C-alpha atoms as a PDB file:
ATOM      1  CA  MET A   1      91.378  18.561  19.119  1.00  0.00           C
ATOM      2  CA  ASP A   2      93.431  20.444  22.063  1.00  0.00           C
ATOM      3  CA  LEU A   3      95.865  22.637  22.223  1.00  0.00           C
ATOM      4  CA  ILE A   4      98.574  21.234  24.762  1.00  0.00           C
ATOM      5  CA  LEU A   5     101.517  23.050  26.196  1.00  0.00           C
ATOM      6  CA  PRO A   6     105.200  21.523  26.583  1.00  0.00           C
ATOM      7  CA  THR A   7     104.030  21.635  30.261  1.00  0.00           C
ATOM      8  CA  GLY A   8     101.006  19.191  30.036  1.00  0.00           C
ATOM      9  CA  GLU A   9      98.211  21.477  30.256  1.00  0.00           C
ATOM     10  CA  SER A  10      95.234  22.450  27.352  1.00  0.00           C
ATOM     11  CA  TYR A  11      93.707  25.381  27.169  1.00  0.00           C
ATOM     12  CA  ALA A  12      89.800  25.144  27.638  1.00  0.00           C
ATOM     13  CA  HIS A  13      89.076  27.637  24.745  1.00  0.00           C
ATOM     14  CA  PRO A  14      92.229  26.851  22.354  1.00  0.00           C
ATOM     15  CA  LYS A  15      89.751  28.259  18.932  1.00  0.00           C
ATOM     16  CA  LEU A  16      89.043  31.280  21.227  1.00  0.00           C
ATOM     17  CA  CYS A  17      92.334  31.653  22.149  1.00  0.00           C
ATOM     18  CA  PHE A  18      93.427  31.084  18.443  1.00  0.00           C
ATOM     19  CA  PHE A  19      91.276  34.312  17.141  1.00  0.00           C
ATOM     20  CA  HIS A  20      92.487  36.155  20.274  1.00  0.00           C
ATOM     21  CA  VAL A  21      95.649  36.430  19.248  1.00  0.00           C
ATOM     22  CA  VAL A  22      94.906  36.358  15.398  1.00  0.00           C
ATOM     23  CA  PHE A  23      92.927  39.776  15.681  1.00  0.00           C
ATOM     24  CA  LYS A  24      95.506  41.126  17.717  1.00  0.00           C
ATOM     25  CA  ALA A  25      98.357  39.821  15.168  1.00  0.00           C
ATOM     26  CA  ALA A  26      96.651  41.036  12.348  1.00  0.00           C
ATOM     27  CA  ALA A  27      95.919  44.639  12.553  1.00  0.00           C
ATOM     28  CA  LEU A  28      99.472  44.804  13.718  1.00  0.00           C
ATOM     29  CA  ALA A  29     101.135  42.684  10.545  1.00  0.00           C
ATOM     30  CA  PHE A  30      98.531  44.362   8.053  1.00  0.00           C
ATOM     31  CA  TYR A  31      99.988  47.894   9.585  1.00  0.00           C
ATOM     32  CA  ILE A  32     103.698  46.378   9.437  1.00  0.00           C
ATOM     33  CA  LEU A  33     103.765  45.058   6.658  1.00  0.00           C
ATOM     34  CA  SER A  34     101.487  47.472   4.217  1.00  0.00           C
ATOM     35  CA  ALA A  35     103.895  49.668   2.983  1.00  0.00           C
ATOM     36  CA  LEU A  36     105.492  47.294   1.083  1.00  0.00           C
ATOM     37  CA  PHE A  37     101.982  45.918  -0.999  1.00  0.00           C
ATOM     38  CA  PHE A  38     100.233  49.602  -0.930  1.00  0.00           C
ATOM     39  CA  ASP A  39     100.902  53.013  -1.676  1.00  0.00           C
ATOM     40  CA  SER A  40      97.715  54.180  -0.273  1.00  0.00           C
ATOM     41  CA  PHE A  41      97.470  55.619   3.271  1.00  0.00           C
ATOM     42  CA  VAL A  42      93.706  55.800   2.928  1.00  0.00           C
ATOM     43  CA  ILE A  43      93.840  52.181   2.340  1.00  0.00           C
ATOM     44  CA  ILE A  44      96.486  51.376   5.241  1.00  0.00           C
ATOM     45  CA  PHE A  45      94.953  53.391   7.470  1.00  0.00           C
ATOM     46  CA  VAL A  46      91.218  52.397   7.095  1.00  0.00           C
ATOM     47  CA  THR A  47      92.170  48.487   6.780  1.00  0.00           C
ATOM     48  CA  THR A  48      94.481  48.695  10.012  1.00  0.00           C
ATOM     49  CA  VAL A  49      91.705  50.322  12.236  1.00  0.00           C
ATOM     50  CA  LEU A  50      88.719  47.869  11.025  1.00  0.00           C
ATOM     51  CA  LEU A  51      91.031  45.009  12.189  1.00  0.00           C
ATOM     52  CA  ALA A  52      91.894  46.705  15.411  1.00  0.00           C
ATOM     53  CA  ALA A  53      88.390  47.262  16.071  1.00  0.00           C
ATOM     54  CA  LEU A  54      87.120  43.983  14.938  1.00  0.00           C
ATOM     55  CA  ASP A  55      89.835  43.336  17.546  1.00  0.00           C
ATOM     56  CA  PHE A  56      88.762  45.801  20.083  1.00  0.00           C
ATOM     57  CA  TRP A  57      84.782  43.805  19.953  1.00  0.00           C
ATOM     58  CA  VAL A  58      85.919  40.538  20.384  1.00  0.00           C
ATOM     59  CA  VAL A  59      88.188  40.665  23.314  1.00  0.00           C
ATOM     60  CA  LYS A  60      85.640  42.911  25.199  1.00  0.00           C
ATOM     61  CA  ASN A  61      82.357  41.192  23.950  1.00  0.00           C
ATOM     62  CA  VAL A  62      83.545  37.652  23.616  1.00  0.00           C
ATOM     63  CA  SER A  63      86.879  36.725  24.884  1.00  0.00           C
ATOM     64  CA  GLY A  64      86.896  39.121  28.093  1.00  0.00           C
ATOM     65  CA  ARG A  65      83.868  36.861  29.082  1.00  0.00           C
ATOM     66  CA  ILE A  66      84.759  32.967  28.221  1.00  0.00           C
ATOM     67  CA  LEU A  67      88.526  33.775  29.000  1.00  0.00           C
ATOM     68  CA  VAL A  68      88.187  35.720  32.209  1.00  0.00           C
ATOM     69  CA  GLY A  69      84.759  35.905  33.027  1.00  0.00           C
ATOM     70  CA  LEU A  70      84.718  39.273  32.809  1.00  0.00           C
ATOM     71  CA  ARG A  71      82.753  42.125  30.968  1.00  0.00           C
ATOM     72  CA  TRP A  72      82.667  45.849  30.966  1.00  0.00           C
ATOM     73  CA  TRP A  73      80.797  48.522  29.306  1.00  0.00           C
ATOM     74  CA  ASN A  74      80.211  52.129  29.593  1.00  0.00           C
ATOM     75  CA  GLU A  75      76.868  54.354  29.861  1.00  0.00           C
ATOM     76  CA  ILE A  76      75.848  58.086  29.570  1.00  0.00           C
ATOM     77  CA  ASN A  77      73.389  58.414  32.285  1.00  0.00           C
ATOM     78  CA  ASP A  78      70.583  61.003  32.146  1.00  0.00           C
ATOM     79  CA  GLU A  79      72.798  63.817  33.813  1.00  0.00           C
ATOM     80  CA  GLY A  80      75.711  63.129  30.822  1.00  0.00           C
ATOM     81  CA  GLU A  81      77.592  61.359  32.877  1.00  0.00           C
ATOM     82  CA  SER A  82      79.863  58.517  31.921  1.00  0.00           C
ATOM     83  CA  VAL A  83      79.316  55.589  34.154  1.00  0.00           C
ATOM     84  CA  TRP A  84      81.715  52.568  33.514  1.00  0.00           C
ATOM     85  CA  LYS A  85      79.300  49.430  33.815  1.00  0.00           C
ATOM     86  CA  PHE A  86      80.930  45.418  35.492  1.00  0.00           C
ATOM     87  CA  GLU A  87      79.821  42.462  35.516  1.00  0.00           C
ATOM     88  CA  CYS A  88      81.726  39.331  36.495  1.00  0.00           C
ATOM     89  CA  LEU A  89      81.238  35.534  37.084  1.00  0.00           C
ATOM     90  CA  ASP A  90      81.203  34.251  40.715  1.00  0.00           C
ATOM     91  CA  GLN A  91      83.241  33.466  42.452  1.00  0.00           C
ATOM     92  CA  GLU A  92      83.209  30.211  42.365  1.00  0.00           C
ATOM     93  CA  SER A  93      82.958  29.912  38.217  1.00  0.00           C
ATOM     94  CA  LEU A  94      85.859  32.412  38.449  1.00  0.00           C
ATOM     95  CA  ALA A  95      88.488  29.628  40.331  1.00  0.00           C
ATOM     96  CA  ARG A  96      87.482  27.049  37.868  1.00  0.00           C
ATOM     97  CA  MET A  97      88.721  29.557  34.882  1.00  0.00           C
ATOM     98  CA  ASN A  98      91.838  28.126  33.071  1.00  0.00           C
ATOM     99  CA  LYS A  99      94.569  29.485  34.168  1.00  0.00           C
ATOM    100  CA  LYS A 100      96.159  29.107  30.404  1.00  0.00           C
ATOM    101  CA  ASP A 101      93.540  30.812  29.326  1.00  0.00           C
ATOM    102  CA  SER A 102      93.740  33.657  31.421  1.00  0.00           C
ATOM    103  CA  TRP A 103      97.428  34.022  31.059  1.00  0.00           C
ATOM    104  CA  LEU A 104      97.116  34.201  27.439  1.00  0.00           C
ATOM    105  CA  PHE A 105      94.381  36.642  27.679  1.00  0.00           C
ATOM    106  CA  TRP A 106      95.937  39.082  30.123  1.00  0.00           C
ATOM    107  CA  TRP A 107      99.445  38.715  28.570  1.00  0.00           C
ATOM    108  CA  THR A 108      98.295  39.411  24.213  1.00  0.00           C
ATOM    109  CA  LEU A 109      96.739  42.711  26.027  1.00  0.00           C
ATOM    110  CA  TYR A 110      99.545  44.170  27.448  1.00  0.00           C
ATOM    111  CA  LEU A 111     101.656  43.269  24.834  1.00  0.00           C
ATOM    112  CA  THR A 112      99.223  44.641  22.118  1.00  0.00           C
ATOM    113  CA  ALA A 113      99.844  47.998  23.687  1.00  0.00           C
ATOM    114  CA  LEU A 114     103.560  47.725  24.022  1.00  0.00           C
ATOM    115  CA  SER A 115     104.167  47.264  20.312  1.00  0.00           C
ATOM    116  CA  TRP A 116     101.377  49.571  19.240  1.00  0.00           C
ATOM    117  CA  ILE A 117     103.712  51.970  21.339  1.00  0.00           C
ATOM    118  CA  VAL A 118     106.753  50.974  20.273  1.00  0.00           C
ATOM    119  CA  LEU A 119     105.328  51.325  16.300  1.00  0.00           C
ATOM    120  CA  GLY A 120     104.292  54.501  17.248  1.00  0.00           C
ATOM    121  CA  ILE A 121     107.752  55.527  18.556  1.00  0.00           C
ATOM    122  CA  PHE A 122     109.059  54.490  14.904  1.00  0.00           C
ATOM    123  CA  SER A 123     106.927  56.632  13.396  1.00  0.00           C
ATOM    124  CA  LEU A 124     107.816  59.574  15.020  1.00  0.00           C
ATOM    125  CA  ILE A 125     110.999  59.334  14.980  1.00  0.00           C
ATOM    126  CA  ARG A 126     110.633  58.682  10.782  1.00  0.00           C
ATOM    127  CA  PHE A 127     108.229  62.353  11.654  1.00  0.00           C
ATOM    128  CA  GLU A 128     105.713  60.502   9.950  1.00  0.00           C
ATOM    129  CA  ALA A 129     102.486  62.056  11.542  1.00  0.00           C
ATOM    130  CA  ASP A 130      99.953  60.445   9.064  1.00  0.00           C
ATOM    131  CA  TYR A 131     101.315  56.649  10.384  1.00  0.00           C
ATOM    132  CA  LEU A 132     101.295  58.558  13.733  1.00  0.00           C
ATOM    133  CA  LEU A 133      97.795  58.512  13.163  1.00  0.00           C
ATOM    134  CA  VAL A 134      96.295  55.530  12.978  1.00  0.00           C
ATOM    135  CA  VAL A 135      99.046  54.672  15.747  1.00  0.00           C
ATOM    136  CA  GLY A 136      97.197  56.354  18.193  1.00  0.00           C
ATOM    137  CA  VAL A 137      93.539  54.748  16.989  1.00  0.00           C
ATOM    138  CA  CYS A 138      94.666  51.468  17.643  1.00  0.00           C
ATOM    139  CA  LEU A 139      96.532  52.715  20.815  1.00  0.00           C
ATOM    140  CA  THR A 140      93.403  53.698  21.931  1.00  0.00           C
ATOM    141  CA  LEU A 141      91.420  50.649  21.645  1.00  0.00           C
ATOM    142  CA  SER A 142      93.653  48.310  22.982  1.00  0.00           C
ATOM    143  CA  ILE A 143      93.766  51.042  26.744  1.00  0.00           C
ATOM    144  CA  ALA A 144      90.342  51.119  26.676  1.00  0.00           C
ATOM    145  CA  ASN A 145      90.119  47.284  26.909  1.00  0.00           C
ATOM    146  CA  ILE A 146      93.136  47.621  29.153  1.00  0.00           C
ATOM    147  CA  VAL A 147      91.580  50.241  31.398  1.00  0.00           C
ATOM    148  CA  GLY A 148      88.031  48.683  31.427  1.00  0.00           C
ATOM    149  CA  PHE A 149      88.801  44.840  32.092  1.00  0.00           C
ATOM    150  CA  THR A 150      91.123  45.620  34.788  1.00  0.00           C
ATOM    151  CA  ARG A 151      88.829  47.955  36.402  1.00  0.00           C
ATOM    152  CA  CYS A 152      86.323  45.237  35.882  1.00  0.00           C
ATOM    153  CA  ARG A 153      88.603  42.863  37.431  1.00  0.00           C
ATOM    154  CA  LYS A 154      89.188  45.144  40.513  1.00  0.00           C
ATOM    155  CA  ASP A 155      85.606  45.454  40.988  1.00  0.00           C
ATOM    156  CA  ALA A 156      84.917  42.215  40.873  1.00  0.00           C
ATOM    157  CA  LYS A 157      87.659  41.890  43.815  1.00  0.00           C
ATOM    158  CA  LYS A 158      86.468  44.462  45.434  1.00  0.00           C
ATOM    159  CA  GLN A 159      82.634  43.007  45.418  1.00  0.00           C
ATOM    160  CA  PHE A 160      84.220  39.143  46.330  1.00  0.00           C
ATOM    161  CA  GLN A 161      85.851  40.925  49.552  1.00  0.00           C
ATOM    162  CA  ALA A 162      82.704  42.347  50.321  1.00  0.00           C
ATOM    163  CA  PHE A 163      80.623  39.011  50.007  1.00  0.00           C
ATOM    164  CA  ALA A 164      83.343  37.651  52.099  1.00  0.00           C
ATOM    165  CA  SER A 165      83.117  40.027  54.574  1.00  0.00           C
ATOM    166  CA  GLN A 166      79.251  40.100  54.649  1.00  0.00           C
ATOM    167  CA  THR A 167      79.073  36.150  55.035  1.00  0.00           C
ATOM    168  CA  ILE A 168      82.093  36.333  58.198  1.00  0.00           C
ATOM    169  CA  ALA A 169      79.713  39.058  59.825  1.00  0.00           C
ATOM    170  CA  SER A 170      76.425  36.593  59.455  1.00  0.00           C
ATOM    171  CA  ARG A 171      78.117  33.726  60.990  1.00  0.00           C
ATOM    172  CA  PHE A 172      79.851  35.488  63.668  1.00  0.00           C
ATOM    173  CA  SER A 173      76.504  36.840  64.714  1.00  0.00           C
ATOM    174  CA  SER A 174      74.528  33.977  64.182  1.00  0.00           C
ATOM    175  CA  THR A 175      77.037  32.238  66.422  1.00  0.00           C
ATOM    176  CA  ILE A 176      76.675  34.389  69.178  1.00  0.00           C
ATOM    177  CA  GLN A 177      72.912  34.539  68.674  1.00  0.00           C
ATOM    178  CA  SER A 178      72.827  31.124  69.699  1.00  0.00           C
ATOM    179  CA  ALA A 179      75.606  30.643  71.853  1.00  0.00           C
ATOM    180  CA  PHE A 180      73.010  33.682  73.764  1.00  0.00           C
ATOM    181  CA  SER A 181      69.857  31.357  73.077  1.00  0.00           C
ATOM    182  CA  ILE A 182      71.472  28.544  74.789  1.00  0.00           C
ATOM    183  CA  VAL A 183      71.449  30.155  78.003  1.00  0.00           C
END
């Protein structure tokens, strides 16, 4: 069953798009509604952070790969320095990616972070430092994915431009060589 949009287009991966949104919504909804059902800050903190961590993992390892063809991770090298690693599908595969899937991926990534910022402002206004801690952890996870995928997308564009420049230069060079070999 495809999820059909008003424009007549459908998502290529409707189930993944659904779960991509649901994990984000679950963390936000639980944080917002939990005060109605629980008096324990510990339950609210642990459950909200767990839901946000699940969202982080799903976005980083599943939906990022499938919906936009990108993957990132961070390693510590032998000198103890943090090194970002990026993986991207080839340009032909990226060009075939569903635009609606990609749009959903990027917009929900940014809107989730914006939502956590708004909730953080409310926590500041109400002088609830403990709830600000929950928001801070969730916002950090959201921003880590934004930074990782944005840097990955920029790295992919650089690699494509370098490949295109190299291909054009080699074709130009072979054309010049074949022109002089005729003479």
